[in-house]
PDB file of all heavy atoms in Angstrom:
ATOM      1  N   PRO A   1      -1.040 -10.380  -4.562  1.00  0.00           N
ATOM      2  CA  PRO A   1      -1.506  -9.923  -5.881  1.00  0.00           C
ATOM      3  C   PRO A   1      -2.666  -8.928  -5.786  1.00  0.00           C
ATOM      4  O   PRO A   1      -2.731  -7.990  -6.584  1.00  0.00           O
ATOM      5  CB  PRO A   1      -1.855 -11.197  -6.616  1.00  0.00           C
ATOM      6  CG  PRO A   1      -1.988 -12.198  -5.588  1.00  0.00           C
ATOM      7  CD  PRO A   1      -1.139 -11.797  -4.385  1.00  0.00           C
ATOM      8  N   ILE A   2      -3.525  -9.194  -4.846  1.00  0.00           N
ATOM      9  CA  ILE A   2      -4.673  -8.272  -4.666  1.00  0.00           C
ATOM     10  C   ILE A   2      -4.169  -6.886  -4.254  1.00  0.00           C
ATOM     11  O   ILE A   2      -4.638  -5.826  -4.752  1.00  0.00           O
ATOM     12  CB  ILE A   2      -5.688  -8.804  -3.613  1.00  0.00           C
ATOM     13  CG1 ILE A   2      -6.179 -10.210  -4.064  1.00  0.00           C
ATOM     14  CG2 ILE A   2      -6.824  -7.821  -3.464  1.00  0.00           C
ATOM     15  CD1 ILE A   2      -6.825 -10.269  -5.418  1.00  0.00           C
ATOM     16  N   THR A   3      -3.225  -6.830  -3.338  1.00  0.00           N
ATOM     17  CA  THR A   3      -2.616  -5.565  -2.935  1.00  0.00           C
ATOM     18  C   THR A   3      -1.944  -4.852  -4.077  1.00  0.00           C
ATOM     19  O   THR A   3      -1.995  -3.647  -4.206  1.00  0.00           O
ATOM     20  CB  THR A   3      -1.656  -5.765  -1.772  1.00  0.00           C
ATOM     21  OG1 THR A   3      -2.353  -6.479  -0.702  1.00  0.00           O
ATOM     22  CG2 THR A   3      -1.140  -4.443  -1.205  1.00  0.00           C
ATOM     23  N   SER A   4      -1.278  -5.621  -4.963  1.00  0.00           N
ATOM     24  CA  SER A   4      -0.631  -4.999  -6.143  1.00  0.00           C
ATOM     25  C   SER A   4      -1.734  -4.329  -7.006  1.00  0.00           C
ATOM     26  O   SER A   4      -1.530  -3.222  -7.512  1.00  0.00           O
ATOM     27  CB  SER A   4       0.048  -6.075  -6.976  1.00  0.00           C
ATOM     28  OG  SER A   4       1.105  -6.550  -6.305  1.00  0.00           O
ATOM     29  N   PHE A   5      -2.874  -5.019  -7.180  1.00  0.00           N
ATOM     30  CA  PHE A   5      -3.986  -4.355  -7.898  1.00  0.00           C
ATOM     31  C   PHE A   5      -4.396  -3.073  -7.259  1.00  0.00           C
ATOM     32  O   PHE A   5      -4.626  -2.059  -7.861  1.00  0.00           O
ATOM     33  CB  PHE A   5      -5.140  -5.374  -8.017  1.00  0.00           C
ATOM     34  CG  PHE A   5      -6.380  -4.676  -8.451  1.00  0.00           C
ATOM     35  CD1 PHE A   5      -6.625  -4.354  -9.755  1.00  0.00           C
ATOM     36  CD2 PHE A   5      -7.387  -4.383  -7.518  1.00  0.00           C
ATOM     37  CE1 PHE A   5      -7.803  -3.684 -10.161  1.00  0.00           C
ATOM     38  CE2 PHE A   5      -8.571  -3.739  -7.904  1.00  0.00           C
ATOM     39  CZ  PHE A   5      -8.789  -3.400  -9.252  1.00  0.00           C
ATOM     40  N   LEU A   6      -4.581  -3.175  -5.874  1.00  0.00           N
ATOM     41  CA  LEU A   6      -5.024  -1.948  -5.132  1.00  0.00           C
ATOM     42  C   LEU A   6      -4.041  -0.821  -5.309  1.00  0.00           C
ATOM     43  O   LEU A   6      -4.434   0.320  -5.403  1.00  0.00           O
ATOM     44  CB  LEU A   6      -5.272  -2.327  -3.691  1.00  0.00           C
ATOM     45  CG  LEU A   6      -6.419  -3.316  -3.419  1.00  0.00           C
ATOM     46  CD1 LEU A   6      -6.425  -3.723  -1.950  1.00  0.00           C
ATOM     47  CD2 LEU A   6      -7.717  -2.730  -3.879  1.00  0.00           C
ATOM     48  N   VAL A   7      -2.722  -1.081  -5.291  1.00  0.00           N
ATOM     49  CA  VAL A   7      -1.701  -0.055  -5.478  1.00  0.00           C
ATOM     50  C   VAL A   7      -1.916   0.596  -6.846  1.00  0.00           C
ATOM     51  O   VAL A   7      -1.900   1.831  -6.974  1.00  0.00           O
ATOM     52  CB  VAL A   7      -0.257  -0.597  -5.335  1.00  0.00           C
ATOM     53  CG1 VAL A   7       0.799   0.311  -5.904  1.00  0.00           C
ATOM     54  CG2 VAL A   7      -0.015  -0.925  -3.866  1.00  0.00           C
ATOM     55  N   GLY A   8      -2.096  -0.218  -7.839  1.00  0.00           N
ATOM     56  CA  GLY A   8      -2.335   0.336  -9.197  1.00  0.00           C
ATOM     57  C   GLY A   8      -3.591   1.161  -9.278  1.00  0.00           C
ATOM     58  O   GLY A   8      -3.622   2.202  -9.926  1.00  0.00           O
ATOM     59  N   TYR A   9      -4.611   0.669  -8.679  1.00  0.00           N
ATOM     60  CA  TYR A   9      -5.887   1.373  -8.686  1.00  0.00           C
ATOM     61  C   TYR A   9      -5.794   2.731  -7.941  1.00  0.00           C
ATOM     62  O   TYR A   9      -6.239   3.761  -8.441  1.00  0.00           O
ATOM     63  CB  TYR A   9      -6.993   0.536  -8.067  1.00  0.00           C
ATOM     64  CG  TYR A   9      -8.414   1.044  -8.309  1.00  0.00           C
ATOM     65  CD1 TYR A   9      -8.999   0.815  -9.506  1.00  0.00           C
ATOM     66  CD2 TYR A   9      -9.055   1.766  -7.340  1.00  0.00           C
ATOM     67  CE1 TYR A   9     -10.330   1.314  -9.738  1.00  0.00           C
ATOM     68  CE2 TYR A   9     -10.329   2.230  -7.533  1.00  0.00           C
ATOM     69  CZ  TYR A   9     -10.957   1.994  -8.747  1.00  0.00           C
ATOM     70  OH  TYR A   9     -12.211   2.474  -8.948  1.00  0.00           O
ATOM     71  N   ALA A  10      -5.108   2.705  -6.778  1.00  0.00           N
ATOM     72  CA  ALA A  10      -4.922   3.937  -5.998  1.00  0.00           C
ATOM     73  C   ALA A  10      -4.095   4.926  -6.820  1.00  0.00           C
ATOM     74  O   ALA A  10      -4.379   6.122  -6.852  1.00  0.00           O
ATOM     75  CB  ALA A  10      -4.206   3.629  -4.694  1.00  0.00           C
ATOM     76  N   ALA A  11      -3.065   4.423  -7.514  1.00  0.00           N
ATOM     77  CA  ALA A  11      -2.233   5.320  -8.349  1.00  0.00           C
ATOM     78  C   ALA A  11      -3.058   5.964  -9.445  1.00  0.00           C
ATOM     79  O   ALA A  11      -2.881   7.159  -9.754  1.00  0.00           O
ATOM     80  CB  ALA A  11      -1.024   4.552  -8.921  1.00  0.00           C
ATOM     81  N   ALA A  12      -3.869   5.171 -10.078  1.00  0.00           N
ATOM     82  CA  ALA A  12      -4.757   5.708 -11.178  1.00  0.00           C
ATOM     83  C   ALA A  12      -5.688   6.777 -10.639  1.00  0.00           C
ATOM     84  O   ALA A  12      -5.891   7.825 -11.296  1.00  0.00           O
ATOM     85  CB  ALA A  12      -5.592   4.583 -11.770  1.00  0.00           C
ATOM     86  N   LEU A  13      -6.244   6.565  -9.431  1.00  0.00           N
ATOM     87  CA  LEU A  13      -7.120   7.526  -8.849  1.00  0.00           C
ATOM     88  C   LEU A  13      -6.407   8.869  -8.535  1.00  0.00           C
ATOM     89  O   LEU A  13      -7.041   9.910  -8.453  1.00  0.00           O
ATOM     90  CB  LEU A  13      -7.801   7.010  -7.590  1.00  0.00           C
ATOM     91  CG  LEU A  13      -8.869   5.887  -7.798  1.00  0.00           C
ATOM     92  CD1 LEU A  13      -9.313   5.381  -6.449  1.00  0.00           C
ATOM     93  CD2 LEU A  13      -9.972   6.355  -8.610  1.00  0.00           C
ATOM     94  N   ARG A  14      -5.116   8.732  -8.312  1.00  0.00           N
ATOM     95  CA  ARG A  14      -4.285   9.947  -7.977  1.00  0.00           C
ATOM     96  C   ARG A  14      -3.592  10.462  -9.236  1.00  0.00           C
ATOM     97  O   ARG A  14      -2.570  11.058  -9.103  1.00  0.00           O
ATOM     98  CB  ARG A  14      -3.212   9.541  -6.983  1.00  0.00           C
ATOM     99  CG  ARG A  14      -3.813   9.027  -5.667  1.00  0.00           C
ATOM    100  CD  ARG A  14      -2.782   8.442  -4.766  1.00  0.00           C
ATOM    101  NE  ARG A  14      -3.364   7.934  -3.567  1.00  0.00           N
ATOM    102  CZ  ARG A  14      -2.695   7.237  -2.656  1.00  0.00           C
ATOM    103  NH1 ARG A  14      -1.450   6.973  -2.809  1.00  0.00           N
ATOM    104  NH2 ARG A  14      -3.358   6.807  -1.574  1.00  0.00           N
ATOM    105  N   ALA A  15      -4.202  10.370 -10.352  1.00  0.00           N
ATOM    106  CA  ALA A  15      -3.739  10.884 -11.633  1.00  0.00           C
ATOM    107  C   ALA A  15      -2.671  10.084 -12.294  1.00  0.00           C
ATOM    108  O   ALA A  15      -2.171  10.450 -13.344  1.00  0.00           O
ATOM    109  CB  ALA A  15      -3.329  12.364 -11.538  1.00  0.00           C
ATOM    110  N   GLY A  16      -2.353   8.906 -11.755  1.00  0.00           N
ATOM    111  CA  GLY A  16      -1.423   7.999 -12.376  1.00  0.00           C
ATOM    112  C   GLY A  16      -0.014   8.439 -12.400  1.00  0.00           C
ATOM    113  O   GLY A  16       0.404   9.391 -11.753  1.00  0.00           O
ATOM    114  N   GLY A  17       0.773   7.737 -13.120  1.00  0.00           N
ATOM    115  CA  GLY A  17       2.219   7.985 -13.305  1.00  0.00           C
ATOM    116  C   GLY A  17       3.064   7.207 -12.312  1.00  0.00           C
ATOM    117  O   GLY A  17       2.563   6.650 -11.333  1.00  0.00           O
ATOM    118  N   ALA A  18       4.336   7.089 -12.603  1.00  0.00           N
ATOM    119  CA  ALA A  18       5.232   6.316 -11.791  1.00  0.00           C
ATOM    120  C   ALA A  18       5.365   6.822 -10.411  1.00  0.00           C
ATOM    121  O   ALA A  18       5.436   6.036  -9.426  1.00  0.00           O
ATOM    122  CB  ALA A  18       6.637   6.266 -12.433  1.00  0.00           C
ATOM    123  N   GLY A  19       5.302   8.119 -10.179  1.00  0.00           N
ATOM    124  CA  GLY A  19       5.364   8.694  -8.902  1.00  0.00           C
ATOM    125  C   GLY A  19       4.157   8.306  -8.002  1.00  0.00           C
ATOM    126  O   GLY A  19       4.280   7.989  -6.816  1.00  0.00           O
ATOM    127  N   ALA A  20       2.982   8.286  -8.632  1.00  0.00           N
ATOM    128  CA  ALA A  20       1.741   7.872  -7.837  1.00  0.00           C
ATOM    129  C   ALA A  20       1.838   6.400  -7.528  1.00  0.00           C
ATOM    130  O   ALA A  20       1.394   5.992  -6.427  1.00  0.00           O
ATOM    131  CB  ALA A  20       0.554   8.172  -8.703  1.00  0.00           C
ATOM    132  N   VAL A  21       2.375   5.591  -8.399  1.00  0.00           N
ATOM    133  CA  VAL A  21       2.571   4.159  -8.086  1.00  0.00           C
ATOM    134  C   VAL A  21       3.524   3.994  -6.913  1.00  0.00           C
ATOM    135  O   VAL A  21       3.253   3.259  -5.981  1.00  0.00           O
ATOM    136  CB  VAL A  21       3.055   3.394  -9.310  1.00  0.00           C
ATOM    137  CG1 VAL A  21       3.436   1.960  -8.942  1.00  0.00           C
ATOM    138  CG2 VAL A  21       2.031   3.378 -10.427  1.00  0.00           C
ATOM    139  N   SER A  22       4.670   4.670  -6.941  1.00  0.00           N
ATOM    140  CA  SER A  22       5.632   4.617  -5.845  1.00  0.00           C
ATOM    141  C   SER A  22       5.069   5.055  -4.564  1.00  0.00           C
ATOM    142  O   SER A  22       5.254   4.462  -3.495  1.00  0.00           O
ATOM    143  CB  SER A  22       6.874   5.455  -6.205  1.00  0.00           C
ATOM    144  OG  SER A  22       7.613   4.778  -7.186  1.00  0.00           O
ATOM    145  N   GLU A  23       4.320   6.124  -4.573  1.00  0.00           N
ATOM    146  CA  GLU A  23       3.709   6.641  -3.323  1.00  0.00           C
ATOM    147  C   GLU A  23       2.715   5.681  -2.752  1.00  0.00           C
ATOM    148  O   GLU A  23       2.693   5.361  -1.522  1.00  0.00           O
ATOM    149  CB  GLU A  23       3.038   8.017  -3.561  1.00  0.00           C
ATOM    150  CG  GLU A  23       2.412   8.589  -2.309  1.00  0.00           C
ATOM    151  CD  GLU A  23       3.329   8.706  -1.090  1.00  0.00           C
ATOM    152  OE1 GLU A  23       4.531   8.960  -1.271  1.00  0.00           O
ATOM    153  OE2 GLU A  23       2.792   8.650   0.058  1.00  0.00           O
ATOM    154  N   ALA A  24       1.767   5.101  -3.605  1.00  0.00           N
ATOM    155  CA  ALA A  24       0.820   4.126  -3.073  1.00  0.00           C
ATOM    156  C   ALA A  24       1.582   2.859  -2.621  1.00  0.00           C
ATOM    157  O   ALA A  24       1.143   2.282  -1.613  1.00  0.00           O
ATOM    158  CB  ALA A  24      -0.148   3.783  -4.242  1.00  0.00           C
ATOM    159  N   ASN A  25       2.611   2.505  -3.312  1.00  0.00           N
ATOM    160  CA  ASN A  25       3.378   1.370  -2.940  1.00  0.00           C
ATOM    161  C   ASN A  25       4.034   1.526  -1.566  1.00  0.00           C
ATOM    162  O   ASN A  25       3.969   0.673  -0.675  1.00  0.00           O
ATOM    163  CB  ASN A  25       4.435   1.095  -3.988  1.00  0.00           C
ATOM    164  CG  ASN A  25       5.143  -0.249  -3.770  1.00  0.00           C
ATOM    165  OD1 ASN A  25       4.518  -1.291  -3.792  1.00  0.00           O
ATOM    166  ND2 ASN A  25       6.451  -0.194  -3.576  1.00  0.00           N
ATOM    167  N   ARG A  26       4.612   2.716  -1.309  1.00  0.00           N
ATOM    168  CA  ARG A  26       5.211   3.043  -0.029  1.00  0.00           C
ATOM    169  C   ARG A  26       4.154   3.024   1.102  1.00  0.00           C
ATOM    170  O   ARG A  26       4.381   2.472   2.207  1.00  0.00           O
ATOM    171  CB  ARG A  26       5.963   4.368  -0.038  1.00  0.00           C
ATOM    172  CG  ARG A  26       7.323   4.306  -0.672  1.00  0.00           C
ATOM    173  CD  ARG A  26       8.106   5.601  -0.487  1.00  0.00           C
ATOM    174  NE  ARG A  26       7.518   6.714  -1.214  1.00  0.00           N
ATOM    175  CZ  ARG A  26       7.674   7.017  -2.451  1.00  0.00           C
ATOM    176  NH1 ARG A  26       8.473   6.283  -3.174  1.00  0.00           N
ATOM    177  NH2 ARG A  26       7.150   8.039  -3.000  1.00  0.00           N
ATOM    178  N   GLN A  27       3.002   3.594   0.805  1.00  0.00           N
ATOM    179  CA  GLN A  27       1.950   3.624   1.803  1.00  0.00           C
ATOM    180  C   GLN A  27       1.521   2.241   2.199  1.00  0.00           C
ATOM    181  O   GLN A  27       1.340   1.964   3.369  1.00  0.00           O
ATOM    182  CB  GLN A  27       0.753   4.376   1.246  1.00  0.00           C
ATOM    183  CG  GLN A  27       0.815   5.874   1.335  1.00  0.00           C
ATOM    184  CD  GLN A  27      -0.497   6.487   0.846  1.00  0.00           C
ATOM    185  OE1 GLN A  27      -0.822   6.431  -0.318  1.00  0.00           O
ATOM    186  NE2 GLN A  27      -1.278   7.003   1.877  1.00  0.00           N
ATOM    187  N   VAL A  28       1.244   1.366   1.206  1.00  0.00           N
ATOM    188  CA  VAL A  28       0.711   0.083   1.548  1.00  0.00           C
ATOM    189  C   VAL A  28       1.769  -0.810   2.191  1.00  0.00           C
ATOM    190  O   VAL A  28       1.457  -1.660   3.033  1.00  0.00           O
ATOM    191  CB  VAL A  28       0.063  -0.584   0.294  1.00  0.00           C
ATOM    192  CG1 VAL A  28       1.102  -1.210  -0.620  1.00  0.00           C
ATOM    193  CG2 VAL A  28      -0.982  -1.579   0.706  1.00  0.00           C
ATOM    194  N   THR A  29       3.039  -0.616   1.847  1.00  0.00           N
ATOM    195  CA  THR A  29       4.079  -1.382   2.509  1.00  0.00           C
ATOM    196  C   THR A  29       4.151  -1.027   3.995  1.00  0.00           C
ATOM    197  O   THR A  29       4.227  -1.926   4.874  1.00  0.00           O
ATOM    198  CB  THR A  29       5.490  -1.111   1.851  1.00  0.00           C
ATOM    199  OG1 THR A  29       5.416  -1.493   0.487  1.00  0.00           O
ATOM    200  CG2 THR A  29       6.606  -1.861   2.542  1.00  0.00           C
ATOM    201  N   GLY A  30       4.106   0.264   4.277  1.00  0.00           N
ATOM    202  CA  GLY A  30       4.088   0.676   5.702  1.00  0.00           C
ATOM    203  C   GLY A  30       2.892   0.214   6.444  1.00  0.00           C
ATOM    204  O   GLY A  30       2.945  -0.233   7.602  1.00  0.00           O
ATOM    205  N   LEU A  31       1.758   0.217   5.749  1.00  0.00           N
ATOM    206  CA  LEU A  31       0.485  -0.225   6.349  1.00  0.00           C
ATOM    207  C   LEU A  31       0.599  -1.712   6.691  1.00  0.00           C
ATOM    208  O   LEU A  31       0.192  -2.163   7.766  1.00  0.00           O
ATOM    209  CB  LEU A  31      -0.690   0.030   5.392  1.00  0.00           C
ATOM    210  CG  LEU A  31      -2.049  -0.436   5.838  1.00  0.00           C
ATOM    211  CD1 LEU A  31      -2.447   0.308   7.128  1.00  0.00           C
ATOM    212  CD2 LEU A  31      -3.076  -0.184   4.773  1.00  0.00           C
ATOM    213  N   ALA A  32       1.147  -2.537   5.760  1.00  0.00           N
ATOM    214  CA  ALA A  32       1.288  -3.983   6.030  1.00  0.00           C
ATOM    215  C   ALA A  32       2.217  -4.263   7.153  1.00  0.00           C
ATOM    216  O   ALA A  32       1.905  -5.094   8.037  1.00  0.00           O
ATOM    217  CB  ALA A  32       1.805  -4.661   4.742  1.00  0.00           C
ATOM    218  N   GLU A  33       3.291  -3.532   7.272  1.00  0.00           N
ATOM    219  CA  GLU A  33       4.197  -3.694   8.375  1.00  0.00           C
ATOM    220  C   GLU A  33       3.579  -3.274   9.704  1.00  0.00           C
ATOM    221  O   GLU A  33       3.704  -4.015  10.707  1.00  0.00           O
ATOM    222  CB  GLU A  33       5.507  -2.901   8.130  1.00  0.00           C
ATOM    223  CG  GLU A  33       6.352  -3.412   7.001  1.00  0.00           C
ATOM    224  CD  GLU A  33       7.463  -2.516   6.543  1.00  0.00           C
ATOM    225  OE1 GLU A  33       7.383  -1.261   6.848  1.00  0.00           O
ATOM    226  OE2 GLU A  33       8.397  -3.056   5.884  1.00  0.00           O
ATOM    227  N   GLN A  34       2.878  -2.195   9.672  1.00  0.00           N
ATOM    228  CA  GLN A  34       2.152  -1.700  10.896  1.00  0.00           C
ATOM    229  C   GLN A  34       1.034  -2.761  11.279  1.00  0.00           C
ATOM    230  O   GLN A  34       0.918  -3.030  12.461  1.00  0.00           O
ATOM    231  CB  GLN A  34       1.572  -0.360  10.648  1.00  0.00           C
ATOM    232  CG  GLN A  34       0.751   0.170  11.828  1.00  0.00           C
ATOM    233  CD  GLN A  34       0.115   1.584  11.483  1.00  0.00           C
ATOM    234  OE1 GLN A  34       0.389   2.176  10.475  1.00  0.00           O
ATOM    235  NE2 GLN A  34      -0.765   1.998  12.373  1.00  0.00           N
ATOM    236  N   TRP A  35       0.320  -3.147  10.317  1.00  0.00           N
ATOM    237  CA  TRP A  35      -0.781  -4.114  10.577  1.00  0.00           C
ATOM    238  C   TRP A  35      -0.257  -5.372  11.171  1.00  0.00           C
ATOM    239  O   TRP A  35      -0.867  -5.867  12.174  1.00  0.00           O
ATOM    240  CB  TRP A  35      -1.414  -4.388   9.211  1.00  0.00           C
ATOM    241  CG  TRP A  35      -2.719  -5.120   9.244  1.00  0.00           C
ATOM    242  CD1 TRP A  35      -4.013  -4.574   9.314  1.00  0.00           C
ATOM    243  CD2 TRP A  35      -2.951  -6.505   9.077  1.00  0.00           C
ATOM    244  NE1 TRP A  35      -4.947  -5.556   9.276  1.00  0.00           N
ATOM    245  CE2 TRP A  35      -4.307  -6.753   9.171  1.00  0.00           C
ATOM    246  CE3 TRP A  35      -2.081  -7.592   8.969  1.00  0.00           C
ATOM    247  CZ2 TRP A  35      -4.827  -8.054   9.043  1.00  0.00           C
ATOM    248  CZ3 TRP A  35      -2.623  -8.825   8.865  1.00  0.00           C
ATOM    249  CH2 TRP A  35      -3.966  -9.110   8.944  1.00  0.00           C
ATOM    250  N   ALA A  36       0.854  -5.916  10.639  1.00  0.00           N
ATOM    251  CA  ALA A  36       1.380  -7.094  11.240  1.00  0.00           C
ATOM    252  C   ALA A  36       1.900  -6.907  12.619  1.00  0.00           C
ATOM    253  O   ALA A  36       1.768  -7.747  13.479  1.00  0.00           O
ATOM    254  CB  ALA A  36       2.493  -7.634  10.288  1.00  0.00           C
ATOM    255  N   ALA A  37       2.563  -5.783  12.860  1.00  0.00           N
ATOM    256  CA  ALA A  37       3.127  -5.482  14.210  1.00  0.00           C
ATOM    257  C   ALA A  37       1.972  -5.373  15.234  1.00  0.00           C
ATOM    258  O   ALA A  37       2.104  -5.897  16.350  1.00  0.00           O
ATOM    259  CB  ALA A  37       3.931  -4.187  14.212  1.00  0.00           C
ATOM    260  N   GLU A  38       0.852  -4.761  14.830  1.00  0.00           N
ATOM    261  CA  GLU A  38      -0.260  -4.613  15.757  1.00  0.00           C
ATOM    262  C   GLU A  38      -0.880  -5.980  16.101  1.00  0.00           C
ATOM    263  O   GLU A  38      -1.232  -6.256  17.211  1.00  0.00           O
ATOM    264  CB  GLU A  38      -1.346  -3.735  15.112  1.00  0.00           C
ATOM    265  CG  GLU A  38      -0.963  -2.248  15.075  1.00  0.00           C
ATOM    266  CD  GLU A  38      -1.954  -1.404  14.338  1.00  0.00           C
ATOM    267  OE1 GLU A  38      -2.903  -1.934  13.740  1.00  0.00           O
ATOM    268  OE2 GLU A  38      -1.712  -0.204  14.275  1.00  0.00           O
ATOM    269  N   ARG A  39      -0.913  -6.839  15.127  1.00  0.00           N
ATOM    270  CA  ARG A  39      -1.457  -8.201  15.363  1.00  0.00           C
ATOM    271  C   ARG A  39      -0.482  -8.985  16.208  1.00  0.00           C
ATOM    272  O   ARG A  39      -0.945  -9.730  17.087  1.00  0.00           O
ATOM    273  CB  ARG A  39      -1.675  -8.954  14.049  1.00  0.00           C
ATOM    274  CG  ARG A  39      -2.925  -8.427  13.475  1.00  0.00           C
ATOM    275  CD  ARG A  39      -3.702  -8.436  12.547  1.00  0.00           C
ATOM    276  NE  ARG A  39      -4.852  -7.669  12.297  1.00  0.00           N
ATOM    277  CZ  ARG A  39      -4.959  -6.353  12.312  1.00  0.00           C
ATOM    278  NH1 ARG A  39      -4.059  -5.583  12.671  1.00  0.00           N
ATOM    279  NH2 ARG A  39      -6.164  -5.863  11.972  1.00  0.00           N
ATOM    280  N   GLU A  40       0.778  -8.832  16.006  1.00  0.00           N
ATOM    281  CA  GLU A  40       1.745  -9.546  16.812  1.00  0.00           C
ATOM    282  C   GLU A  40       1.723  -8.996  18.250  1.00  0.00           C
ATOM    283  O   GLU A  40       1.819  -9.784  19.197  1.00  0.00           O
ATOM    284  CB  GLU A  40       3.191  -9.271  16.252  1.00  0.00           C
ATOM    285  CG  GLU A  40       4.239 -10.058  16.959  1.00  0.00           C
ATOM    286  CD  GLU A  40       5.606  -9.856  16.293  1.00  0.00           C
ATOM    287  OE1 GLU A  40       5.685 -10.099  15.098  1.00  0.00           O
ATOM    288  OE2 GLU A  40       6.546  -9.463  17.070  1.00  0.00           O
ATOM    289  N   ASN A  41       1.652  -7.722  18.455  1.00  0.00           N
ATOM    290  CA  ASN A  41       1.549  -7.127  19.779  1.00  0.00           C
ATOM    291  C   ASN A  41       0.242  -7.569  20.477  1.00  0.00           C
ATOM    292  O   ASN A  41       0.191  -7.798  21.663  1.00  0.00           O
ATOM    293  CB  ASN A  41       1.639  -5.657  19.734  1.00  0.00           C
ATOM    294  CG  ASN A  41       3.043  -5.119  19.348  1.00  0.00           C
ATOM    295  OD1 ASN A  41       3.988  -5.890  19.544  1.00  0.00           O
ATOM    296  ND2 ASN A  41       3.073  -3.995  18.881  1.00  0.00           N
ATOM    297  N   GLY A  42      -0.845  -7.679  19.712  1.00  0.00           N
ATOM    298  CA  GLY A  42      -2.090  -8.134  20.276  1.00  0.00           C
ATOM    299  C   GLY A  42      -2.023  -9.584  20.728  1.00  0.00           C
ATOM    300  O   GLY A  42      -2.559  -9.935  21.782  1.00  0.00           O
ATOM    301  N   ALA A  43      -1.361 -10.399  19.915  1.00  0.00           N
ATOM    302  CA  ALA A  43      -1.201 -11.825  20.281  1.00  0.00           C
ATOM    303  C   ALA A  43      -0.320 -12.004  21.488  1.00  0.00           C
ATOM    304  O   ALA A  43      -0.511 -12.853  22.305  1.00  0.00           O
ATOM    305  CB  ALA A  43      -0.653 -12.598  19.111  1.00  0.00           C
TER     306      ALA A  43
END
């Protein structure tokens, strides 16, 4: 839920709109996948 808030906030900072929400959403999804993979590889 906190990440959902951050996606909305990022979209608002980028002038808002559905496209800005989708772009922030795609960015954070990729970031979460990368973040988890890095932690898994480190472990």
